[in-house]
C-alpha atoms as a PDB file:
ATOM      1  CA  UNK A   1      62.269  60.998 200.094  1.00  0.00           C
ATOM      2  CA  UNK A   2      61.289  64.584 199.440  1.00  0.00           C
ATOM      3  CA  UNK A   3      64.898  65.489 198.708  1.00  0.00           C
ATOM      4  CA  UNK A   4      65.166  62.589 196.333  1.00  0.00           C
ATOM      5  CA  UNK A   5      62.015  63.654 194.514  1.00  0.00           C
ATOM      6  CA  UNK A   6      63.344  67.190 194.211  1.00  0.00           C
ATOM      7  CA  UNK A   7      66.636  65.934 192.897  1.00  0.00           C
ATOM      8  CA  UNK A   8      64.837  63.825 190.329  1.00  0.00           C
ATOM      9  CA  UNK A   9      62.654  66.724 189.353  1.00  0.00           C
ATOM     10  CA  UNK A  10      65.726  68.834 188.718  1.00  0.00           C
ATOM     11  CA  UNK A  11      67.236  66.005 186.695  1.00  0.00           C
ATOM     12  CA  UNK A  12      64.028  65.797 184.654  1.00  0.00           C
ATOM     13  CA  UNK A  13      64.012  69.513 184.012  1.00  0.00           C
ATOM     14  CA  UNK A  14      67.634  69.409 182.885  1.00  0.00           C
ATOM     15  CA  UNK A  15      67.950  66.229 180.851  1.00  0.00           C
ATOM     16  CA  UNK A  16      71.392  67.192 179.498  1.00  0.00           C
ATOM     17  CA  UNK A  17      73.043  67.506 182.922  1.00  0.00           C
ATOM     18  CA  UNK A  18      76.181  65.348 183.256  1.00  0.00           C
ATOM     19  CA  UNK A  19      75.660  62.933 186.165  1.00  0.00           C
ATOM     20  CA  UNK A  20      78.884  60.960 185.827  1.00  0.00           C
ATOM     21  CA  UNK A  21      80.251  62.357 189.171  1.00  0.00           C
ATOM     22  CA  UNK A  22      77.257  60.919 191.085  1.00  0.00           C
ATOM     23  CA  UNK A  23      77.744  57.354 189.996  1.00  0.00           C
ATOM     24  CA  UNK A  24      79.000  56.350 193.437  1.00  0.00           C
ATOM     25  CA  UNK A  25      76.352  58.186 195.419  1.00  0.00           C
ATOM     26  CA  UNK A  26      73.298  56.857 193.598  1.00  0.00           C
ATOM     27  CA  UNK A  27      73.707  53.180 194.638  1.00  0.00           C
ATOM     28  CA  UNK A  28      74.108  54.109 198.291  1.00  0.00           C
ATOM     29  CA  UNK A  29      70.910  56.098 198.410  1.00  0.00           C
ATOM     30  CA  UNK A  30      68.973  53.351 196.698  1.00  0.00           C
ATOM     31  CA  UNK A  31      70.267  50.662 199.076  1.00  0.00           C
ATOM     32  CA  UNK A  32      69.318  52.706 202.137  1.00  0.00           C
ATOM     33  CA  UNK A  33      65.805  53.277 200.857  1.00  0.00           C
ATOM     34  CA  UNK A  34      65.312  49.622 200.080  1.00  0.00           C
ATOM     35  CA  UNK A  35      66.375  48.733 203.579  1.00  0.00           C
ATOM     36  CA  UNK A  36      64.065  51.161 205.248  1.00  0.00           C
ATOM     37  CA  UNK A  37      60.877  51.372 203.103  1.00  0.00           C
ATOM     38  CA  UNK A  38      60.653  48.770 200.412  1.00  0.00           C
ATOM     39  CA  UNK A  39      57.125  49.713 199.369  1.00  0.00           C
ATOM     40  CA  UNK A  40      57.978  53.401 199.213  1.00  0.00           C
ATOM     41  CA  UNK A  41      61.071  52.693 197.145  1.00  0.00           C
ATOM     42  CA  UNK A  42      59.058  50.749 194.631  1.00  0.00           C
ATOM     43  CA  UNK A  43      56.534  53.548 194.416  1.00  0.00           C
ATOM     44  CA  UNK A  44      59.341  56.076 194.056  1.00  0.00           C
ATOM     45  CA  UNK A  45      60.973  54.025 191.309  1.00  0.00           C
ATOM     46  CA  UNK A  46      57.699  54.011 189.431  1.00  0.00           C
ATOM     47  CA  UNK A  47      57.405  57.751 189.902  1.00  0.00           C
ATOM     48  CA  UNK A  48      61.016  58.237 188.757  1.00  0.00           C
ATOM     49  CA  UNK A  49      60.265  56.213 185.634  1.00  0.00           C
ATOM     50  CA  UNK A  50      57.273  58.420 184.929  1.00  0.00           C
ATOM     51  CA  UNK A  51      59.477  61.518 185.368  1.00  0.00           C
ATOM     52  CA  UNK A  52      62.110  60.157 183.005  1.00  0.00           C
ATOM     53  CA  UNK A  53      59.393  59.296 180.516  1.00  0.00           C
ATOM     54  CA  UNK A  54      58.000  62.820 180.853  1.00  0.00           C
ATOM     55  CA  UNK A  55      61.459  64.293 180.282  1.00  0.00           C
ATOM     56  CA  UNK A  56      62.015  62.067 177.285  1.00  0.00           C
ATOM     57  CA  UNK A  57      58.563  62.960 175.883  1.00  0.00           C
ATOM     58  CA  UNK A  58      59.247  66.647 176.383  1.00  0.00           C
ATOM     59  CA  UNK A  59      62.587  66.323 174.535  1.00  0.00           C
ATOM     60  CA  UNK A  60      60.970  64.401 171.702  1.00  0.00           C
ATOM     61  CA  UNK A  61      58.215  66.990 171.390  1.00  0.00           C
ATOM     62  CA  UNK A  62      60.760  69.789 171.236  1.00  0.00           C
ATOM     63  CA  UNK A  63      62.683  67.949 168.535  1.00  0.00           C
ATOM     64  CA  UNK A  64      59.515  67.284 166.574  1.00  0.00           C
ATOM     65  CA  UNK A  65      58.341  70.876 166.823  1.00  0.00           C
ATOM     66  CA  UNK A  66      61.744  72.145 165.769  1.00  0.00           C
ATOM     67  CA  UNK A  67      61.884  69.709 162.839  1.00  0.00           C
ATOM     68  CA  UNK A  68      58.330  70.553 161.772  1.00  0.00           C
ATOM     69  CA  UNK A  69      59.143  74.249 161.768  1.00  0.00           C
ATOM     70  CA  UNK A  70      62.102  73.652 159.519  1.00  0.00           C
ATOM     71  CA  UNK A  71      60.009  71.411 157.305  1.00  0.00           C
ATOM     72  CA  UNK A  72      57.251  74.001 157.033  1.00  0.00           C
ATOM     73  CA  UNK A  73      59.785  76.669 156.198  1.00  0.00           C
ATOM     74  CA  UNK A  74      61.195  74.496 153.444  1.00  0.00           C
ATOM     75  CA  UNK A  75      57.725  73.848 152.096  1.00  0.00           C
ATOM     76  CA  UNK A  76      56.921  77.541 152.214  1.00  0.00           C
ATOM     77  CA  UNK A  77      59.765  78.343 149.824  1.00  0.00           C
ATOM     78  CA  UNK A  78      59.516  75.744 147.048  1.00  0.00           C
ATOM     79  CA  UNK A  79      62.030  75.540 144.233  1.00  0.00           C
ATOM     80  CA  UNK A  80      61.310  77.526 141.092  1.00  0.00           C
ATOM     81  CA  UNK A  81      60.524  74.428 138.983  1.00  0.00           C
ATOM     82  CA  UNK A  82      57.839  73.237 141.375  1.00  0.00           C
ATOM     83  CA  UNK A  83      56.308  76.699 141.489  1.00  0.00           C
ATOM     84  CA  UNK A  84      56.273  76.737 137.676  1.00  0.00           C
ATOM     85  CA  UNK A  85      54.302  73.526 137.562  1.00  0.00           C
ATOM     86  CA  UNK A  86      51.866  74.898 140.101  1.00  0.00           C
ATOM     87  CA  UNK A  87      51.260  77.856 137.806  1.00  0.00           C
ATOM     88  CA  UNK A  88      50.942  75.777 134.627  1.00  0.00           C
ATOM     89  CA  UNK A  89      48.513  73.220 136.051  1.00  0.00           C
ATOM     90  CA  UNK A  90      45.680  75.690 136.784  1.00  0.00           C
ATOM     91  CA  UNK A  91      46.204  77.280 133.369  1.00  0.00           C
ATOM     92  CA  UNK A  92      45.853  73.890 131.687  1.00  0.00           C
ATOM     93  CA  UNK A  93      42.734  73.169 133.717  1.00  0.00           C
ATOM     94  CA  UNK A  94      41.204  76.468 132.646  1.00  0.00           C
ATOM     95  CA  UNK A  95      42.064  75.755 129.006  1.00  0.00           C
ATOM     96  CA  UNK A  96      40.512  72.283 129.183  1.00  0.00           C
ATOM     97  CA  UNK A  97      37.432  73.748 130.821  1.00  0.00           C
ATOM     98  CA  UNK A  98      37.066  76.392 128.104  1.00  0.00           C
ATOM     99  CA  UNK A  99      37.463  73.757 125.366  1.00  0.00           C
ATOM    100  CA  UNK A 100      34.892  71.492 127.020  1.00  0.00           C
ATOM    101  CA  UNK A 101      32.370  74.332 127.230  1.00  0.00           C
ATOM    102  CA  UNK A 102      33.043  75.228 123.582  1.00  0.00           C
ATOM    103  CA  UNK A 103      32.499  71.623 122.422  1.00  0.00           C
ATOM    104  CA  UNK A 104      29.269  71.303 124.398  1.00  0.00           C
ATOM    105  CA  UNK A 105      28.016  74.645 123.041  1.00  0.00           C
ATOM    106  CA  UNK A 106      28.904  73.610 119.476  1.00  0.00           C
ATOM    107  CA  UNK A 107      27.184  70.254 119.941  1.00  0.00           C
ATOM    108  CA  UNK A 108      24.011  71.914 121.209  1.00  0.00           C
ATOM    109  CA  UNK A 109      24.005  74.541 118.463  1.00  0.00           C
ATOM    110  CA  UNK A 110      24.671  71.996 115.685  1.00  0.00           C
ATOM    111  CA  UNK A 111      21.990  69.643 116.955  1.00  0.00           C
ATOM    112  CA  UNK A 112      19.397  72.429 117.162  1.00  0.00           C
ATOM    113  CA  UNK A 113      20.324  73.617 113.652  1.00  0.00           C
ATOM    114  CA  UNK A 114      19.893  70.132 112.126  1.00  0.00           C
ATOM    115  CA  UNK A 115      16.664  69.383 113.969  1.00  0.00           C
ATOM    116  CA  UNK A 116      15.113  72.666 112.834  1.00  0.00           C
ATOM    117  CA  UNK A 117      16.262  72.104 109.255  1.00  0.00           C
ATOM    118  CA  UNK A 118      14.899  68.560 109.218  1.00  0.00           C
ATOM    119  CA  UNK A 119      11.522  69.653 110.562  1.00  0.00           C
ATOM    120  CA  UNK A 120      11.354  72.510 108.074  1.00  0.00           C
ATOM    121  CA  UNK A 121      11.952  70.096 105.184  1.00  0.00           C
ATOM    122  CA  UNK A 122       9.318  67.659 106.435  1.00  0.00           C
ATOM    123  CA  UNK A 123       6.766  70.444 106.727  1.00  0.00           C
ATOM    124  CA  UNK A 124       7.621  71.564 103.197  1.00  0.00           C
ATOM    125  CA  UNK A 125       7.151  68.042 101.808  1.00  0.00           C
ATOM    126  CA  UNK A 126       3.747  67.652 103.449  1.00  0.00           C
ATOM    127  CA  UNK A 127       2.477  71.218 103.041  1.00  0.00           C
ATOM    128  CA  UNK A 128       0.573  70.489  99.832  1.00  0.00           C
ATOM    129  CA  UNK A 129      -2.509  68.408 100.619  1.00  0.00           C
ATOM    130  CA  UNK A 130      -2.776  67.071  97.074  1.00  0.00           C
ATOM    131  CA  UNK A 131       0.887  66.901  96.103  1.00  0.00           C
ATOM    132  CA  UNK A 132       4.264  66.784  97.722  1.00  0.00           C
ATOM    133  CA  UNK A 133       5.256  63.556  99.370  1.00  0.00           C
ATOM    134  CA  UNK A 134       1.762  62.169  98.858  1.00  0.00           C
ATOM    135  CA  UNK A 135       2.549  61.737  95.170  1.00  0.00           C
ATOM    136  CA  UNK A 136       4.770  58.807  96.170  1.00  0.00           C
ATOM    137  CA  UNK A 137       2.467  57.264  98.793  1.00  0.00           C
ATOM    138  CA  UNK A 138      -0.211  58.114 101.302  1.00  0.00           C
ATOM    139  CA  UNK A 139       1.177  56.627 104.516  1.00  0.00           C
ATOM    140  CA  UNK A 140       4.617  57.635 105.773  1.00  0.00           C
ATOM    141  CA  UNK A 141       6.663  56.407 108.739  1.00  0.00           C
ATOM    142  CA  UNK A 142       9.177  58.952 110.013  1.00  0.00           C
ATOM    143  CA  UNK A 143      12.182  58.290 112.200  1.00  0.00           C
ATOM    144  CA  UNK A 144      15.249  60.262 113.214  1.00  0.00           C
ATOM    145  CA  UNK A 145      18.649  58.561 113.100  1.00  0.00           C
ATOM    146  CA  UNK A 146      20.667  60.797 115.390  1.00  0.00           C
ATOM    147  CA  UNK A 147      20.590  64.477 114.462  1.00  0.00           C
ATOM    148  CA  UNK A 148      21.885  64.046 110.900  1.00  0.00           C
ATOM    149  CA  UNK A 149      19.422  61.680 109.199  1.00  0.00           C
ATOM    150  CA  UNK A 150      15.643  61.763 108.850  1.00  0.00           C
ATOM    151  CA  UNK A 151      14.123  58.757 107.120  1.00  0.00           C
ATOM    152  CA  UNK A 152      10.553  58.758 105.775  1.00  0.00           C
ATOM    153  CA  UNK A 153       9.453  55.318 104.621  1.00  0.00           C
ATOM    154  CA  UNK A 154       6.441  54.582 102.421  1.00  0.00           C
ATOM    155  CA  UNK A 155       5.808  50.845 102.338  1.00  0.00           C
ATOM    156  CA  UNK A 156       2.823  51.033  99.987  1.00  0.00           C
ATOM    157  CA  UNK A 157       4.056  53.271  97.203  1.00  0.00           C
ATOM    158  CA  UNK A 158       2.187  54.683  94.256  1.00  0.00           C
ATOM    159  CA  UNK A 159       3.250  53.676  90.705  1.00  0.00           C
ATOM    160  CA  UNK A 160       5.912  53.350  89.553  1.00  0.00           C
ATOM    161  CA  UNK A 161       7.100  52.641  93.124  1.00  0.00           C
ATOM    162  CA  UNK A 162       6.305  49.548  95.115  1.00  0.00           C
ATOM    163  CA  UNK A 163       7.939  51.151  98.134  1.00  0.00           C
ATOM    164  CA  UNK A 164      10.072  54.233  98.594  1.00  0.00           C
ATOM    165  CA  UNK A 165      12.154  55.973 101.236  1.00  0.00           C
ATOM    166  CA  UNK A 166      12.949  59.675 101.307  1.00  0.00           C
ATOM    167  CA  UNK A 167      16.052  60.447 103.352  1.00  0.00           C
ATOM    168  CA  UNK A 168      17.174  63.869 104.574  1.00  0.00           C
ATOM    169  CA  UNK A 169      20.929  63.483 104.961  1.00  0.00           C
ATOM    170  CA  UNK A 170      22.450  66.428 106.835  1.00  0.00           C
ATOM    171  CA  UNK A 171      25.990  67.463 107.631  1.00  0.00           C
ATOM    172  CA  UNK A 172      27.226  66.413 111.102  1.00  0.00           C
ATOM    173  CA  UNK A 173      27.068  69.932 112.513  1.00  0.00           C
ATOM    174  CA  UNK A 174      26.938  68.677 116.110  1.00  0.00           C
ATOM    175  CA  UNK A 175      30.584  67.486 116.036  1.00  0.00           C
ATOM    176  CA  UNK A 176      33.036  70.111 114.752  1.00  0.00           C
ATOM    177  CA  UNK A 177      35.794  67.678 113.773  1.00  0.00           C
ATOM    178  CA  UNK A 178      33.363  65.391 111.910  1.00  0.00           C
ATOM    179  CA  UNK A 179      31.770  68.391 110.232  1.00  0.00           C
ATOM    180  CA  UNK A 180      35.161  69.689 109.029  1.00  0.00           C
ATOM    181  CA  UNK A 181      36.242  66.252 107.811  1.00  0.00           C
ATOM    182  CA  UNK A 182      32.930  65.696 106.026  1.00  0.00           C
ATOM    183  CA  UNK A 183      33.073  69.035 104.233  1.00  0.00           C
ATOM    184  CA  UNK A 184      36.652  68.332 103.149  1.00  0.00           C
ATOM    185  CA  UNK A 185      35.370  65.115 101.564  1.00  0.00           C
ATOM    186  CA  UNK A 186      32.499  66.883  99.809  1.00  0.00           C
ATOM    187  CA  UNK A 187      29.678  65.990 102.177  1.00  0.00           C
ATOM    188  CA  UNK A 188      26.790  68.435 101.976  1.00  0.00           C
ATOM    189  CA  UNK A 189      23.125  68.432 102.943  1.00  0.00           C
ATOM    190  CA  UNK A 190      21.465  65.989 100.557  1.00  0.00           C
ATOM    191  CA  UNK A 191      17.972  64.729  99.799  1.00  0.00           C
ATOM    192  CA  UNK A 192      17.896  61.067  98.782  1.00  0.00           C
ATOM    193  CA  UNK A 193      15.016  59.216  97.143  1.00  0.00           C
ATOM    194  CA  UNK A 194      15.539  55.471  97.262  1.00  0.00           C
ATOM    195  CA  UNK A 195      12.834  53.247  95.771  1.00  0.00           C
ATOM    196  CA  UNK A 196      11.864  49.742  94.759  1.00  0.00           C
ATOM    197  CA  UNK A 197      10.108  49.857  91.405  1.00  0.00           C
ATOM    198  CA  UNK A 198       7.135  47.720  90.438  1.00  0.00           C
ATOM    199  CA  UNK A 199       9.354  45.878  87.990  1.00  0.00           C
ATOM    200  CA  UNK A 200      13.084  45.691  87.391  1.00  0.00           C
ATOM    201  CA  UNK A 201      14.492  48.075  84.754  1.00  0.00           C
ATOM    202  CA  UNK A 202      16.098  46.709  81.612  1.00  0.00           C
ATOM    203  CA  UNK A 203      19.057  49.084  81.428  1.00  0.00           C
ATOM    204  CA  UNK A 204      21.459  49.729  84.288  1.00  0.00           C
ATOM    205  CA  UNK A 205      23.553  52.803  84.951  1.00  0.00           C
ATOM    206  CA  UNK A 206      25.265  54.914  87.609  1.00  0.00           C
ATOM    207  CA  UNK A 207      25.514  58.650  86.960  1.00  0.00           C
ATOM    208  CA  UNK A 208      27.878  60.098  89.593  1.00  0.00           C
ATOM    209  CA  UNK A 209      29.273  63.490  90.443  1.00  0.00           C
ATOM    210  CA  UNK A 210      32.891  62.584  91.369  1.00  0.00           C
ATOM    211  CA  UNK A 211      33.313  65.738  93.460  1.00  0.00           C
ATOM    212  CA  UNK A 212      30.401  64.878  95.763  1.00  0.00           C
ATOM    213  CA  UNK A 213      30.259  62.604  98.774  1.00  0.00           C
ATOM    214  CA  UNK A 214      27.409  60.658  97.116  1.00  0.00           C
ATOM    215  CA  UNK A 215      29.480  59.973  94.011  1.00  0.00           C
ATOM    216  CA  UNK A 216      32.596  58.869  95.861  1.00  0.00           C
ATOM    217  CA  UNK A 217      30.580  56.697  98.226  1.00  0.00           C
ATOM    218  CA  UNK A 218      28.879  54.833  95.356  1.00  0.00           C
ATOM    219  CA  UNK A 219      31.939  54.430  93.127  1.00  0.00           C
ATOM    220  CA  UNK A 220      33.370  51.287  94.841  1.00  0.00           C
ATOM    221  CA  UNK A 221      30.079  49.456  94.203  1.00  0.00           C
ATOM    222  CA  UNK A 222      30.078  50.067  90.451  1.00  0.00           C
ATOM    223  CA  UNK A 223      30.848  46.869  88.481  1.00  0.00           C
ATOM    224  CA  UNK A 224      34.430  46.883  87.268  1.00  0.00           C
ATOM    225  CA  UNK A 225      33.510  45.756  83.764  1.00  0.00           C
ATOM    226  CA  UNK A 226      31.224  48.744  83.127  1.00  0.00           C
ATOM    227  CA  UNK A 227      32.238  51.458  80.724  1.00  0.00           C
ATOM    228  CA  UNK A 228      32.773  55.076  81.732  1.00  0.00           C
ATOM    229  CA  UNK A 229      31.474  58.023  79.732  1.00  0.00           C
ATOM    230  CA  UNK A 230      30.759  61.703  80.045  1.00  0.00           C
ATOM    231  CA  UNK A 231      27.120  62.707  80.199  1.00  0.00           C
ATOM    232  CA  UNK A 232      26.086  65.127  77.484  1.00  0.00           C
ATOM    233  CA  UNK A 233      23.524  67.002  79.566  1.00  0.00           C
ATOM    234  CA  UNK A 234      24.841  67.086  83.117  1.00  0.00           C
ATOM    235  CA  UNK A 235      28.165  68.860  83.174  1.00  0.00           C
ATOM    236  CA  UNK A 236      30.695  67.048  85.353  1.00  0.00           C
ATOM    237  CA  UNK A 237      28.560  63.951  85.981  1.00  0.00           C
ATOM    238  CA  UNK A 238      30.313  60.712  84.976  1.00  0.00           C
ATOM    239  CA  UNK A 239      28.141  57.879  83.666  1.00  0.00           C
ATOM    240  CA  UNK A 240      29.074  54.284  84.391  1.00  0.00           C
ATOM    241  CA  UNK A 241      27.169  51.959  82.051  1.00  0.00           C
ATOM    242  CA  UNK A 242      27.155  48.462  80.625  1.00  0.00           C
ATOM    243  CA  UNK A 243      26.681  49.378  76.965  1.00  0.00           C
ATOM    244  CA  UNK A 244      25.940  52.219  74.564  1.00  0.00           C
ATOM    245  CA  UNK A 245      22.180  51.864  75.056  1.00  0.00           C
ATOM    246  CA  UNK A 246      22.588  52.454  78.789  1.00  0.00           C
ATOM    247  CA  UNK A 247      24.667  55.569  78.134  1.00  0.00           C
ATOM    248  CA  UNK A 248      21.995  56.948  75.827  1.00  0.00           C
ATOM    249  CA  UNK A 249      19.377  56.152  78.445  1.00  0.00           C
ATOM    250  CA  UNK A 250      21.433  58.010  81.066  1.00  0.00           C
ATOM    251  CA  UNK A 251      21.645  61.087  78.854  1.00  0.00           C
ATOM    252  CA  UNK A 252      17.848  61.152  78.514  1.00  0.00           C
ATOM    253  CA  UNK A 253      17.323  60.822  82.269  1.00  0.00           C
ATOM    254  CA  UNK A 254      19.868  63.531  83.089  1.00  0.00           C
ATOM    255  CA  UNK A 255      18.321  65.883  80.539  1.00  0.00           C
ATOM    256  CA  UNK A 256      14.927  65.358  82.186  1.00  0.00           C
ATOM    257  CA  UNK A 257      16.405  66.121  85.605  1.00  0.00           C
ATOM    258  CA  UNK A 258      18.063  69.270  84.295  1.00  0.00           C
ATOM    259  CA  UNK A 259      14.785  70.566  82.843  1.00  0.00           C
ATOM    260  CA  UNK A 260      13.178  70.040  86.246  1.00  0.00           C
ATOM    261  CA  UNK A 261      15.909  72.100  87.908  1.00  0.00           C
ATOM    262  CA  UNK A 262      17.544  69.157  89.714  1.00  0.00           C
ATOM    263  CA  UNK A 263      21.303  69.086  90.328  1.00  0.00           C
ATOM    264  CA  UNK A 264      22.177  65.401  90.238  1.00  0.00           C
ATOM    265  CA  UNK A 265      24.869  64.074  92.542  1.00  0.00           C
ATOM    266  CA  UNK A 266      23.873  60.468  91.965  1.00  0.00           C
ATOM    267  CA  UNK A 267      21.309  58.802  89.735  1.00  0.00           C
ATOM    268  CA  UNK A 268      21.236  55.028  89.973  1.00  0.00           C
ATOM    269  CA  UNK A 269      19.116  52.606  87.950  1.00  0.00           C
ATOM    270  CA  UNK A 270      19.742  48.957  88.799  1.00  0.00           C
ATOM    271  CA  UNK A 271      18.038  45.601  88.398  1.00  0.00           C
ATOM    272  CA  UNK A 272      18.742  44.776  92.028  1.00  0.00           C
ATOM    273  CA  UNK A 273      16.952  46.578  94.854  1.00  0.00           C
ATOM    274  CA  UNK A 274      16.824  49.440  95.366  1.00  0.00           C
ATOM    275  CA  UNK A 275      16.140  49.854  91.654  1.00  0.00           C
ATOM    276  CA  UNK A 276      16.104  53.652  91.717  1.00  0.00           C
ATOM    277  CA  UNK A 277      18.180  56.188  93.656  1.00  0.00           C
ATOM    278  CA  UNK A 278      18.359  59.939  93.275  1.00  0.00           C
ATOM    279  CA  UNK A 279      20.721  62.181  95.319  1.00  0.00           C
ATOM    280  CA  UNK A 280      20.269  65.950  94.997  1.00  0.00           C
ATOM    281  CA  UNK A 281      20.982  69.052  97.113  1.00  0.00           C
ATOM    282  CA  UNK A 282      18.169  70.177  99.400  1.00  0.00           C
ATOM    283  CA  UNK A 283      15.385  71.652  97.236  1.00  0.00           C
ATOM    284  CA  UNK A 284      14.441  75.307  97.347  1.00  0.00           C
ATOM    285  CA  UNK A 285      11.628  75.465  99.919  1.00  0.00           C
ATOM    286  CA  UNK A 286      10.264  78.584  98.263  1.00  0.00           C
ATOM    287  CA  UNK A 287       9.119  76.381  95.392  1.00  0.00           C
ATOM    288  CA  UNK A 288       6.142  74.006  95.833  1.00  0.00           C
ATOM    289  CA  UNK A 289       7.017  70.490  96.898  1.00  0.00           C
ATOM    290  CA  UNK A 290       4.663  69.092  94.280  1.00  0.00           C
ATOM    291  CA  UNK A 291       6.981  70.151  91.437  1.00  0.00           C
ATOM    292  CA  UNK A 292       9.941  68.351  93.003  1.00  0.00           C
ATOM    293  CA  UNK A 293       8.107  65.062  93.596  1.00  0.00           C
ATOM    294  CA  UNK A 294       6.521  65.158  90.154  1.00  0.00           C
ATOM    295  CA  UNK A 295      10.050  65.317  88.710  1.00  0.00           C
ATOM    296  CA  UNK A 296      11.073  62.357  90.890  1.00  0.00           C
ATOM    297  CA  UNK A 297       8.094  60.318  89.717  1.00  0.00           C
ATOM    298  CA  UNK A 298       8.786  61.178  86.068  1.00  0.00           C
ATOM    299  CA  UNK A 299      12.406  60.089  86.390  1.00  0.00           C
ATOM    300  CA  UNK A 300      11.395  56.752  87.931  1.00  0.00           C
ATOM    301  CA  UNK A 301       8.840  56.126  85.176  1.00  0.00           C
ATOM    302  CA  UNK A 302      11.438  56.990  82.505  1.00  0.00           C
ATOM    303  CA  UNK A 303      13.936  54.621  84.126  1.00  0.00           C
ATOM    304  CA  UNK A 304      11.548  51.729  83.320  1.00  0.00           C
ATOM    305  CA  UNK A 305      11.108  52.764  79.669  1.00  0.00           C
END
């Protein structure tokens, strides 16, 4: 039995040994062992199976280790194309990261700029205790619409207004692509006065600066049957009117605005609400707010004449 175990051990250690010459001897030894010690033969067969399994496992492990080494070597020397992609991918990630940081920084800077500008304008309008925005009404409701629009609503307006809204309309500086597109279309910081008058005006007109965003935005809403004329007192402003009396009325209103130092982008007088709209660039904050709102009130009163 010991000799058999040693022989099997040698066979396990040398799994490639050719055993074809022992084909006749192996049956004889097995028969003798079965005759003498059946239990020991069964135990030895189980042990032999374990040895063969160990030899097979050892061979498989060697093959796996050898294959893994080759595989690792192949992975360690990738083709040039794959290495190129590995270089490009981090570069693209860095570029995307830089662009994302730039957009976030622009957004923050543009938002801060607009918020500061809006607050500065509101302080300017309310700085005069007896004038300024209070010439249009005493109680104002303020709300921000994003970072580009500040709306101040006066529900109980002073004559000639029944109600009025003053809108600070700013460029979209928080989004660079929207800012560039808006400027290309003529959008600039604008102050809008939009009011409902105590009575409807008799004459209707639309005085528009065609180069401005305000003028182009209002043009599609002008009645198609209105006439078009050039204002005598306002440079490039085009007057859309129903008749000659309305054109004359527009000239008088635009002359009044020019004397007050207002650059008109849109002046609208309509029978439907809102009856009165005035779009101008942001006023010079070095001048008192009272002078600006007095001019607005005078224009609204003249629109009813």
